[in-house]
mmCIF file of all heavy atoms, coordinates in Angstrom:
data_MODEL
# 
_entry.id   MODEL 
# 
loop_
_atom_site.group_PDB 
_atom_site.id 
_atom_site.type_symbol 
_atom_site.label_atom_id 
_atom_site.label_alt_id 
_atom_site.label_comp_id 
_atom_site.label_asym_id 
_atom_site.label_entity_id 
_atom_site.label_seq_id 
_atom_site.pdbx_PDB_ins_code 
_atom_site.Cartn_x 
_atom_site.Cartn_y 
_atom_site.Cartn_z 
_atom_site.occupancy 
_atom_site.B_iso_or_equiv 
_atom_site.pdbx_formal_charge 
_atom_site.auth_seq_id 
_atom_site.auth_comp_id 
_atom_site.auth_asym_id 
_atom_site.auth_atom_id 
_atom_site.pdbx_PDB_model_num 
ATOM 1   N N   . SER A 1 1  ? 5.289   12.709 13.081 1.00 0.00 ? 1  SER A N   1 
ATOM 2   C CA  . SER A 1 1  ? 4.936   12.306 14.405 1.00 0.00 ? 1  SER A CA  1 
ATOM 3   C C   . SER A 1 1  ? 3.498   12.901 14.491 1.00 0.00 ? 1  SER A C   1 
ATOM 4   O O   . SER A 1 1  ? 2.979   13.799 13.753 1.00 0.00 ? 1  SER A O   1 
ATOM 5   C CB  . SER A 1 1  ? 5.666   13.051 15.366 1.00 0.00 ? 1  SER A CB  1 
ATOM 6   O OG  . SER A 1 1  ? 5.632   14.515 15.365 1.00 0.00 ? 1  SER A OG  1 
ATOM 7   N N   . PHE A 1 2  ? 2.734   12.200 15.439 1.00 0.00 ? 2  PHE A N   1 
ATOM 8   C CA  . PHE A 1 2  ? 1.315   12.635 15.780 1.00 0.00 ? 2  PHE A CA  1 
ATOM 9   C C   . PHE A 1 2  ? 1.495   13.132 17.299 1.00 0.00 ? 2  PHE A C   1 
ATOM 10  O O   . PHE A 1 2  ? 2.137   12.500 17.963 1.00 0.00 ? 2  PHE A O   1 
ATOM 11  C CB  . PHE A 1 2  ? 0.424   11.404 15.856 1.00 0.00 ? 2  PHE A CB  1 
ATOM 12  C CG  . PHE A 1 2  ? -0.216  11.218 14.402 1.00 0.00 ? 2  PHE A CG  1 
ATOM 13  C CD1 . PHE A 1 2  ? 0.266   11.728 13.186 1.00 0.00 ? 2  PHE A CD1 1 
ATOM 14  C CD2 . PHE A 1 2  ? -1.308  10.436 14.478 1.00 0.00 ? 2  PHE A CD2 1 
ATOM 15  C CE1 . PHE A 1 2  ? -0.494  11.475 12.094 1.00 0.00 ? 2  PHE A CE1 1 
ATOM 16  C CE2 . PHE A 1 2  ? -2.029  10.138 13.134 1.00 0.00 ? 2  PHE A CE2 1 
ATOM 17  C CZ  . PHE A 1 2  ? -1.520  10.769 12.058 1.00 0.00 ? 2  PHE A CZ  1 
ATOM 18  N N   . ASP A 1 3  ? 1.012   14.355 17.396 1.00 0.00 ? 3  ASP A N   1 
ATOM 19  C CA  . ASP A 1 3  ? 0.848   14.799 18.865 1.00 0.00 ? 3  ASP A CA  1 
ATOM 20  C C   . ASP A 1 3  ? 0.021   13.809 19.652 1.00 0.00 ? 3  ASP A C   1 
ATOM 21  O O   . ASP A 1 3  ? -0.931  13.288 19.064 1.00 0.00 ? 3  ASP A O   1 
ATOM 22  C CB  . ASP A 1 3  ? 0.382   16.222 18.819 1.00 0.00 ? 3  ASP A CB  1 
ATOM 23  C CG  . ASP A 1 3  ? 0.303   16.811 20.135 1.00 0.00 ? 3  ASP A CG  1 
ATOM 24  O OD1 . ASP A 1 3  ? -0.631  16.586 20.845 1.00 0.00 ? 3  ASP A OD1 1 
ATOM 25  O OD2 . ASP A 1 3  ? 1.138   17.646 20.469 1.00 0.00 ? 3  ASP A OD2 1 
ATOM 26  N N   . LYS A 1 4  ? 0.246   13.620 20.956 1.00 0.00 ? 4  LYS A N   1 
ATOM 27  C CA  . LYS A 1 4  ? -0.575  12.845 21.795 1.00 0.00 ? 4  LYS A CA  1 
ATOM 28  C C   . LYS A 1 4  ? -2.099  13.165 21.775 1.00 0.00 ? 4  LYS A C   1 
ATOM 29  O O   . LYS A 1 4  ? -3.038  12.317 21.858 1.00 0.00 ? 4  LYS A O   1 
ATOM 30  C CB  . LYS A 1 4  ? -0.031  12.755 23.210 1.00 0.00 ? 4  LYS A CB  1 
ATOM 31  C CG  . LYS A 1 4  ? -0.231  13.891 23.944 1.00 0.00 ? 4  LYS A CG  1 
ATOM 32  C CD  . LYS A 1 4  ? 0.320   13.748 25.408 1.00 0.00 ? 4  LYS A CD  1 
ATOM 33  C CE  . LYS A 1 4  ? 0.192   15.038 26.240 1.00 0.00 ? 4  LYS A CE  1 
ATOM 34  N NZ  . LYS A 1 4  ? -1.234  15.378 26.629 1.00 0.00 ? 4  LYS A NZ  1 
ATOM 35  N N   . ASP A 1 5  ? -2.363  14.462 21.400 1.00 0.00 ? 5  ASP A N   1 
ATOM 36  C CA  . ASP A 1 5  ? -3.813  14.827 21.352 1.00 0.00 ? 5  ASP A CA  1 
ATOM 37  C C   . ASP A 1 5  ? -4.278  14.869 19.900 1.00 0.00 ? 5  ASP A C   1 
ATOM 38  O O   . ASP A 1 5  ? -5.517  15.149 19.819 1.00 0.00 ? 5  ASP A O   1 
ATOM 39  C CB  . ASP A 1 5  ? -3.928  16.323 21.895 1.00 0.00 ? 5  ASP A CB  1 
ATOM 40  C CG  . ASP A 1 5  ? -3.549  16.369 23.424 1.00 0.00 ? 5  ASP A CG  1 
ATOM 41  O OD1 . ASP A 1 5  ? -3.912  15.457 24.215 1.00 0.00 ? 5  ASP A OD1 1 
ATOM 42  O OD2 . ASP A 1 5  ? -2.841  17.376 23.721 1.00 0.00 ? 5  ASP A OD2 1 
ATOM 43  N N   . ASP A 1 6  ? -3.437  14.464 18.957 1.00 0.00 ? 6  ASP A N   1 
ATOM 44  C CA  . ASP A 1 6  ? -3.617  14.475 17.577 1.00 0.00 ? 6  ASP A CA  1 
ATOM 45  C C   . ASP A 1 6  ? -4.235  13.011 17.244 1.00 0.00 ? 6  ASP A C   1 
ATOM 46  O O   . ASP A 1 6  ? -3.382  12.377 16.705 1.00 0.00 ? 6  ASP A O   1 
ATOM 47  C CB  . ASP A 1 6  ? -2.495  14.910 16.676 1.00 0.00 ? 6  ASP A CB  1 
ATOM 48  C CG  . ASP A 1 6  ? -2.869  15.179 15.282 1.00 0.00 ? 6  ASP A CG  1 
ATOM 49  O OD1 . ASP A 1 6  ? -4.133  15.287 15.047 1.00 0.00 ? 6  ASP A OD1 1 
ATOM 50  O OD2 . ASP A 1 6  ? -1.899  15.148 14.506 1.00 0.00 ? 6  ASP A OD2 1 
ATOM 51  N N   . VAL A 1 7  ? -5.411  12.781 17.583 1.00 0.00 ? 7  VAL A N   1 
ATOM 52  C CA  . VAL A 1 7  ? -5.906  11.327 17.348 1.00 0.00 ? 7  VAL A CA  1 
ATOM 53  C C   . VAL A 1 7  ? -7.189  11.312 16.439 1.00 0.00 ? 7  VAL A C   1 
ATOM 54  O O   . VAL A 1 7  ? -7.795  12.331 16.277 1.00 0.00 ? 7  VAL A O   1 
ATOM 55  C CB  . VAL A 1 7  ? -6.275  10.720 18.802 1.00 0.00 ? 7  VAL A CB  1 
ATOM 56  C CG1 . VAL A 1 7  ? -5.070  10.617 19.581 1.00 0.00 ? 7  VAL A CG1 1 
ATOM 57  C CG2 . VAL A 1 7  ? -7.374  11.578 19.468 1.00 0.00 ? 7  VAL A CG2 1 
ATOM 58  N N   . PHE A 1 8  ? -7.488  10.147 15.982 1.00 0.00 ? 8  PHE A N   1 
ATOM 59  C CA  . PHE A 1 8  ? -8.696  9.999  15.268 1.00 0.00 ? 8  PHE A CA  1 
ATOM 60  C C   . PHE A 1 8  ? -9.902  10.002 16.160 1.00 0.00 ? 8  PHE A C   1 
ATOM 61  O O   . PHE A 1 8  ? -9.827  9.298  17.288 1.00 0.00 ? 8  PHE A O   1 
ATOM 62  C CB  . PHE A 1 8  ? -8.686  8.590  14.512 1.00 0.00 ? 8  PHE A CB  1 
ATOM 63  C CG  . PHE A 1 8  ? -7.659  8.674  13.342 1.00 0.00 ? 8  PHE A CG  1 
ATOM 64  C CD1 . PHE A 1 8  ? -6.541  7.776  13.282 1.00 0.00 ? 8  PHE A CD1 1 
ATOM 65  C CD2 . PHE A 1 8  ? -7.874  9.575  12.202 1.00 0.00 ? 8  PHE A CD2 1 
ATOM 66  C CE1 . PHE A 1 8  ? -5.723  7.774  12.281 1.00 0.00 ? 8  PHE A CE1 1 
ATOM 67  C CE2 . PHE A 1 8  ? -6.967  9.550  11.217 1.00 0.00 ? 8  PHE A CE2 1 
ATOM 68  C CZ  . PHE A 1 8  ? -5.933  8.774  11.278 1.00 0.00 ? 8  PHE A CZ  1 
ATOM 69  N N   . VAL A 1 9  ? -10.937 10.665 15.833 1.00 0.00 ? 9  VAL A N   1 
ATOM 70  C CA  . VAL A 1 9  ? -12.186 10.666 16.759 1.00 0.00 ? 9  VAL A CA  1 
ATOM 71  C C   . VAL A 1 9  ? -13.405 10.179 16.084 1.00 0.00 ? 9  VAL A C   1 
ATOM 72  O O   . VAL A 1 9  ? -14.397 9.995  16.731 1.00 0.00 ? 9  VAL A O   1 
ATOM 73  C CB  . VAL A 1 9  ? -12.350 12.180 17.184 1.00 0.00 ? 9  VAL A CB  1 
ATOM 74  C CG1 . VAL A 1 9  ? -11.265 12.756 18.100 1.00 0.00 ? 9  VAL A CG1 1 
ATOM 75  C CG2 . VAL A 1 9  ? -12.602 13.049 16.007 1.00 0.00 ? 9  VAL A CG2 1 
ATOM 76  N N   . SER A 1 10 ? -13.352 9.786  14.737 1.00 0.00 ? 10 SER A N   1 
ATOM 77  C CA  . SER A 1 10 ? -14.575 9.280  14.130 1.00 0.00 ? 10 SER A CA  1 
ATOM 78  C C   . SER A 1 10 ? -14.051 8.571  12.857 1.00 0.00 ? 10 SER A C   1 
ATOM 79  O O   . SER A 1 10 ? -13.138 8.823  12.290 1.00 0.00 ? 10 SER A O   1 
ATOM 80  C CB  . SER A 1 10 ? -15.502 10.378 13.711 1.00 0.00 ? 10 SER A CB  1 
ATOM 81  O OG  . SER A 1 10 ? -16.675 9.974  13.098 1.00 0.00 ? 10 SER A OG  1 
ATOM 82  N N   . THR A 1 11 ? -14.810 7.446  12.508 1.00 0.00 ? 11 THR A N   1 
ATOM 83  C CA  . THR A 1 11 ? -14.510 6.739  11.174 1.00 0.00 ? 11 THR A CA  1 
ATOM 84  C C   . THR A 1 11 ? -15.760 6.486  10.434 1.00 0.00 ? 11 THR A C   1 
ATOM 85  O O   . THR A 1 11 ? -16.833 6.407  10.981 1.00 0.00 ? 11 THR A O   1 
ATOM 86  C CB  . THR A 1 11 ? -13.818 5.394  11.591 1.00 0.00 ? 11 THR A CB  1 
ATOM 87  O OG1 . THR A 1 11 ? -14.769 4.605  12.426 1.00 0.00 ? 11 THR A OG1 1 
ATOM 88  C CG2 . THR A 1 11 ? -12.494 5.498  12.302 1.00 0.00 ? 11 THR A CG2 1 
ATOM 89  N N   . THR A 1 12 ? -15.516 6.104  9.270  1.00 0.00 ? 12 THR A N   1 
ATOM 90  C CA  . THR A 1 12 ? -16.669 5.708  8.209  1.00 0.00 ? 12 THR A CA  1 
ATOM 91  C C   . THR A 1 12 ? -15.958 4.934  7.147  1.00 0.00 ? 12 THR A C   1 
ATOM 92  O O   . THR A 1 12 ? -14.842 5.074  6.948  1.00 0.00 ? 12 THR A O   1 
ATOM 93  C CB  . THR A 1 12 ? -17.450 6.847  7.825  1.00 0.00 ? 12 THR A CB  1 
ATOM 94  O OG1 . THR A 1 12 ? -18.734 6.412  7.252  1.00 0.00 ? 12 THR A OG1 1 
ATOM 95  C CG2 . THR A 1 12 ? -16.799 7.739  6.858  1.00 0.00 ? 12 THR A CG2 1 
ATOM 96  N N   . VAL A 1 13 ? -16.785 4.208  6.375  1.00 0.00 ? 13 VAL A N   1 
ATOM 97  C CA  . VAL A 1 13 ? -16.297 3.533  5.254  1.00 0.00 ? 13 VAL A CA  1 
ATOM 98  C C   . VAL A 1 13 ? -17.280 3.599  4.061  1.00 0.00 ? 13 VAL A C   1 
ATOM 99  O O   . VAL A 1 13 ? -18.478 3.910  4.266  1.00 0.00 ? 13 VAL A O   1 
ATOM 100 C CB  . VAL A 1 13 ? -16.040 1.979  5.543  1.00 0.00 ? 13 VAL A CB  1 
ATOM 101 C CG1 . VAL A 1 13 ? -15.050 1.838  6.643  1.00 0.00 ? 13 VAL A CG1 1 
ATOM 102 C CG2 . VAL A 1 13 ? -17.363 1.329  5.852  1.00 0.00 ? 13 VAL A CG2 1 
ATOM 103 N N   . GLY A 1 14 ? -16.728 3.547  2.904  1.00 0.00 ? 14 GLY A N   1 
ATOM 104 C CA  . GLY A 1 14 ? -17.489 3.486  1.659  1.00 0.00 ? 14 GLY A CA  1 
ATOM 105 C C   . GLY A 1 14 ? -17.474 2.121  1.091  1.00 0.00 ? 14 GLY A C   1 
ATOM 106 O O   . GLY A 1 14 ? -17.007 1.163  1.795  1.00 0.00 ? 14 GLY A O   1 
ATOM 107 N N   . TYR A 1 15 ? -17.701 2.023  -0.188 1.00 0.00 ? 15 TYR A N   1 
ATOM 108 C CA  . TYR A 1 15 ? -17.745 0.685  -0.837 1.00 0.00 ? 15 TYR A CA  1 
ATOM 109 C C   . TYR A 1 15 ? -16.471 -0.008 -0.725 1.00 0.00 ? 15 TYR A C   1 
ATOM 110 O O   . TYR A 1 15 ? -16.300 -1.076 -0.279 1.00 0.00 ? 15 TYR A O   1 
ATOM 111 C CB  . TYR A 1 15 ? -18.112 0.851  -2.237 1.00 0.00 ? 15 TYR A CB  1 
ATOM 112 C CG  . TYR A 1 15 ? -18.163 -0.376 -3.037 1.00 0.00 ? 15 TYR A CG  1 
ATOM 113 C CD1 . TYR A 1 15 ? -19.072 -1.348 -2.924 1.00 0.00 ? 15 TYR A CD1 1 
ATOM 114 C CD2 . TYR A 1 15 ? -17.104 -0.555 -4.079 1.00 0.00 ? 15 TYR A CD2 1 
ATOM 115 C CE1 . TYR A 1 15 ? -19.048 -2.609 -3.604 1.00 0.00 ? 15 TYR A CE1 1 
ATOM 116 C CE2 . TYR A 1 15 ? -17.067 -1.864 -4.671 1.00 0.00 ? 15 TYR A CE2 1 
ATOM 117 C CZ  . TYR A 1 15 ? -18.083 -2.829 -4.482 1.00 0.00 ? 15 TYR A CZ  1 
ATOM 118 O OH  . TYR A 1 15 ? -18.137 -3.942 -5.196 1.00 0.00 ? 15 TYR A OH  1 
ATOM 119 N N   . ASP A 1 16 ? -15.285 0.740  -1.136 1.00 0.00 ? 16 ASP A N   1 
ATOM 120 C CA  . ASP A 1 16 ? -14.047 0.120  -1.066 1.00 0.00 ? 16 ASP A CA  1 
ATOM 121 C C   . ASP A 1 16 ? -12.911 1.159  -0.503 1.00 0.00 ? 16 ASP A C   1 
ATOM 122 O O   . ASP A 1 16 ? -11.783 1.046  -0.908 1.00 0.00 ? 16 ASP A O   1 
ATOM 123 C CB  . ASP A 1 16 ? -13.543 -0.490 -2.363 1.00 0.00 ? 16 ASP A CB  1 
ATOM 124 C CG  . ASP A 1 16 ? -13.569 0.520  -3.587 1.00 0.00 ? 16 ASP A CG  1 
ATOM 125 O OD1 . ASP A 1 16 ? -13.650 1.698  -3.199 1.00 0.00 ? 16 ASP A OD1 1 
ATOM 126 O OD2 . ASP A 1 16 ? -13.135 0.129  -4.600 1.00 0.00 ? 16 ASP A OD2 1 
ATOM 127 N N   . HIS A 1 17 ? -13.400 2.063  0.309  1.00 0.00 ? 17 HIS A N   1 
ATOM 128 C CA  . HIS A 1 17 ? -12.468 3.066  0.934  1.00 0.00 ? 17 HIS A CA  1 
ATOM 129 C C   . HIS A 1 17 ? -12.859 3.339  2.330  1.00 0.00 ? 17 HIS A C   1 
ATOM 130 O O   . HIS A 1 17 ? -14.074 3.029  2.633  1.00 0.00 ? 17 HIS A O   1 
ATOM 131 C CB  . HIS A 1 17 ? -12.281 4.270  0.114  1.00 0.00 ? 17 HIS A CB  1 
ATOM 132 C CG  . HIS A 1 17 ? -13.450 5.162  -0.103 1.00 0.00 ? 17 HIS A CG  1 
ATOM 133 N ND1 . HIS A 1 17 ? -14.660 4.733  -0.780 1.00 0.00 ? 17 HIS A ND1 1 
ATOM 134 C CD2 . HIS A 1 17 ? -13.838 6.300  0.637  1.00 0.00 ? 17 HIS A CD2 1 
ATOM 135 C CE1 . HIS A 1 17 ? -15.652 5.662  -0.586 1.00 0.00 ? 17 HIS A CE1 1 
ATOM 136 N NE2 . HIS A 1 17 ? -15.224 6.674  0.264  1.00 0.00 ? 17 HIS A NE2 1 
ATOM 137 N N   . SER A 1 18 ? -11.924 3.852  3.094  1.00 0.00 ? 18 SER A N   1 
ATOM 138 C CA  . SER A 1 18 ? -12.211 4.127  4.521  1.00 0.00 ? 18 SER A CA  1 
ATOM 139 C C   . SER A 1 18 ? -11.796 5.685  4.704  1.00 0.00 ? 18 SER A C   1 
ATOM 140 O O   . SER A 1 18 ? -10.970 6.261  4.025  1.00 0.00 ? 18 SER A O   1 
ATOM 141 C CB  . SER A 1 18 ? -11.383 3.349  5.319  1.00 0.00 ? 18 SER A CB  1 
ATOM 142 O OG  . SER A 1 18 ? -11.695 1.927  5.154  1.00 0.00 ? 18 SER A OG  1 
ATOM 143 N N   . ALA A 1 19 ? -12.516 6.175  5.753  1.00 0.00 ? 19 ALA A N   1 
ATOM 144 C CA  . ALA A 1 19 ? -12.163 7.566  6.166  1.00 0.00 ? 19 ALA A CA  1 
ATOM 145 C C   . ALA A 1 19 ? -12.087 7.746  7.698  1.00 0.00 ? 19 ALA A C   1 
ATOM 146 O O   . ALA A 1 19 ? -12.823 7.010  8.323  1.00 0.00 ? 19 ALA A O   1 
ATOM 147 C CB  . ALA A 1 19 ? -13.151 8.656  5.555  1.00 0.00 ? 19 ALA A CB  1 
ATOM 148 N N   . ALA A 1 20 ? -11.358 8.747  8.095  1.00 0.00 ? 20 ALA A N   1 
ATOM 149 C CA  . ALA A 1 20 ? -11.258 9.009  9.595  1.00 0.00 ? 20 ALA A CA  1 
ATOM 150 C C   . ALA A 1 20 ? -11.155 10.531 9.711  1.00 0.00 ? 20 ALA A C   1 
ATOM 151 O O   . ALA A 1 20 ? -10.513 11.101 8.946  1.00 0.00 ? 20 ALA A O   1 
ATOM 152 C CB  . ALA A 1 20 ? -10.207 8.344  10.236 1.00 0.00 ? 20 ALA A CB  1 
ATOM 153 N N   . LEU A 1 21 ? -11.795 10.986 10.903 1.00 0.00 ? 21 LEU A N   1 
ATOM 154 C CA  . LEU A 1 21 ? -11.689 12.423 11.173 1.00 0.00 ? 21 LEU A CA  1 
ATOM 155 C C   . LEU A 1 21 ? -10.757 12.508 12.368 1.00 0.00 ? 21 LEU A C   1 
ATOM 156 O O   . LEU A 1 21 ? -10.918 11.809 13.363 1.00 0.00 ? 21 LEU A O   1 
ATOM 157 C CB  . LEU A 1 21 ? -13.072 12.974 11.674 1.00 0.00 ? 21 LEU A CB  1 
ATOM 158 C CG  . LEU A 1 21 ? -13.138 14.304 12.191 1.00 0.00 ? 21 LEU A CG  1 
ATOM 159 C CD1 . LEU A 1 21 ? -12.871 15.312 11.073 1.00 0.00 ? 21 LEU A CD1 1 
ATOM 160 C CD2 . LEU A 1 21 ? -14.539 14.508 12.806 1.00 0.00 ? 21 LEU A CD2 1 
ATOM 161 N N   . LYS A 1 22 ? -9.775  13.315 12.296 1.00 0.00 ? 22 LYS A N   1 
ATOM 162 C CA  . LYS A 1 22 ? -8.770  13.603 13.509 1.00 0.00 ? 22 LYS A CA  1 
ATOM 163 C C   . LYS A 1 22 ? -9.358  14.693 14.424 1.00 0.00 ? 22 LYS A C   1 
ATOM 164 O O   . LYS A 1 22 ? -10.155 15.563 13.965 1.00 0.00 ? 22 LYS A O   1 
ATOM 165 C CB  . LYS A 1 22 ? -7.415  13.937 12.903 1.00 0.00 ? 22 LYS A CB  1 
ATOM 166 C CG  . LYS A 1 22 ? -6.762  12.748 12.372 1.00 0.00 ? 22 LYS A CG  1 
ATOM 167 C CD  . LYS A 1 22 ? -5.341  12.896 11.855 1.00 0.00 ? 22 LYS A CD  1 
ATOM 168 C CE  . LYS A 1 22 ? -4.450  13.940 12.565 1.00 0.00 ? 22 LYS A CE  1 
ATOM 169 N NZ  . LYS A 1 22 ? -3.057  14.115 11.938 1.00 0.00 ? 22 LYS A NZ  1 
ATOM 170 N N   . SER A 1 23 ? -8.806  14.662 15.574 1.00 0.00 ? 23 SER A N   1 
ATOM 171 C CA  . SER A 1 23 ? -9.213  15.612 16.610 1.00 0.00 ? 23 SER A CA  1 
ATOM 172 C C   . SER A 1 23 ? -8.984  17.131 16.230 1.00 0.00 ? 23 SER A C   1 
ATOM 173 O O   . SER A 1 23 ? -9.561  17.980 16.626 1.00 0.00 ? 23 SER A O   1 
ATOM 174 C CB  . SER A 1 23 ? -8.575  15.312 17.893 1.00 0.00 ? 23 SER A CB  1 
ATOM 175 O OG  . SER A 1 23 ? -7.115  15.281 17.788 1.00 0.00 ? 23 SER A OG  1 
ATOM 176 N N   . ASP A 1 24 ? -8.003  17.348 15.247 1.00 0.00 ? 24 ASP A N   1 
ATOM 177 C CA  . ASP A 1 24 ? -7.764  18.615 14.819 1.00 0.00 ? 24 ASP A CA  1 
ATOM 178 C C   . ASP A 1 24 ? -8.753  19.077 13.643 1.00 0.00 ? 24 ASP A C   1 
ATOM 179 O O   . ASP A 1 24 ? -8.495  20.198 13.081 1.00 0.00 ? 24 ASP A O   1 
ATOM 180 C CB  . ASP A 1 24 ? -6.268  18.837 14.335 1.00 0.00 ? 24 ASP A CB  1 
ATOM 181 C CG  . ASP A 1 24 ? -5.930  17.940 13.123 1.00 0.00 ? 24 ASP A CG  1 
ATOM 182 O OD1 . ASP A 1 24 ? -6.799  17.184 12.604 1.00 0.00 ? 24 ASP A OD1 1 
ATOM 183 O OD2 . ASP A 1 24 ? -4.791  17.962 12.695 1.00 0.00 ? 24 ASP A OD2 1 
ATOM 184 N N   . GLY A 1 25 ? -9.720  18.275 13.311 1.00 0.00 ? 25 GLY A N   1 
ATOM 185 C CA  . GLY A 1 25 ? -10.664 18.625 12.363 1.00 0.00 ? 25 GLY A CA  1 
ATOM 186 C C   . GLY A 1 25 ? -10.236 18.227 10.858 1.00 0.00 ? 25 GLY A C   1 
ATOM 187 O O   . GLY A 1 25 ? -11.060 18.380 9.924  1.00 0.00 ? 25 GLY A O   1 
ATOM 188 N N   . THR A 1 26 ? -9.111  17.571 10.623 1.00 0.00 ? 26 THR A N   1 
ATOM 189 C CA  . THR A 1 26 ? -8.661  17.161 9.386  1.00 0.00 ? 26 THR A CA  1 
ATOM 190 C C   . THR A 1 26 ? -9.247  15.895 9.089  1.00 0.00 ? 26 THR A C   1 
ATOM 191 O O   . THR A 1 26 ? -9.634  14.921 9.903  1.00 0.00 ? 26 THR A O   1 
ATOM 192 C CB  . THR A 1 26 ? -7.200  17.136 9.224  1.00 0.00 ? 26 THR A CB  1 
ATOM 193 O OG1 . THR A 1 26 ? -6.647  16.214 10.173 1.00 0.00 ? 26 THR A OG1 1 
ATOM 194 C CG2 . THR A 1 26 ? -6.525  18.543 9.381  1.00 0.00 ? 26 THR A CG2 1 
# 
């Protein structure tokens, strides 16, 4: 489960992969 406050806050992409930062800093 994801806590309601545990959300993605930023995204970025590379050549063929993607990344996201969650609100908890992970």
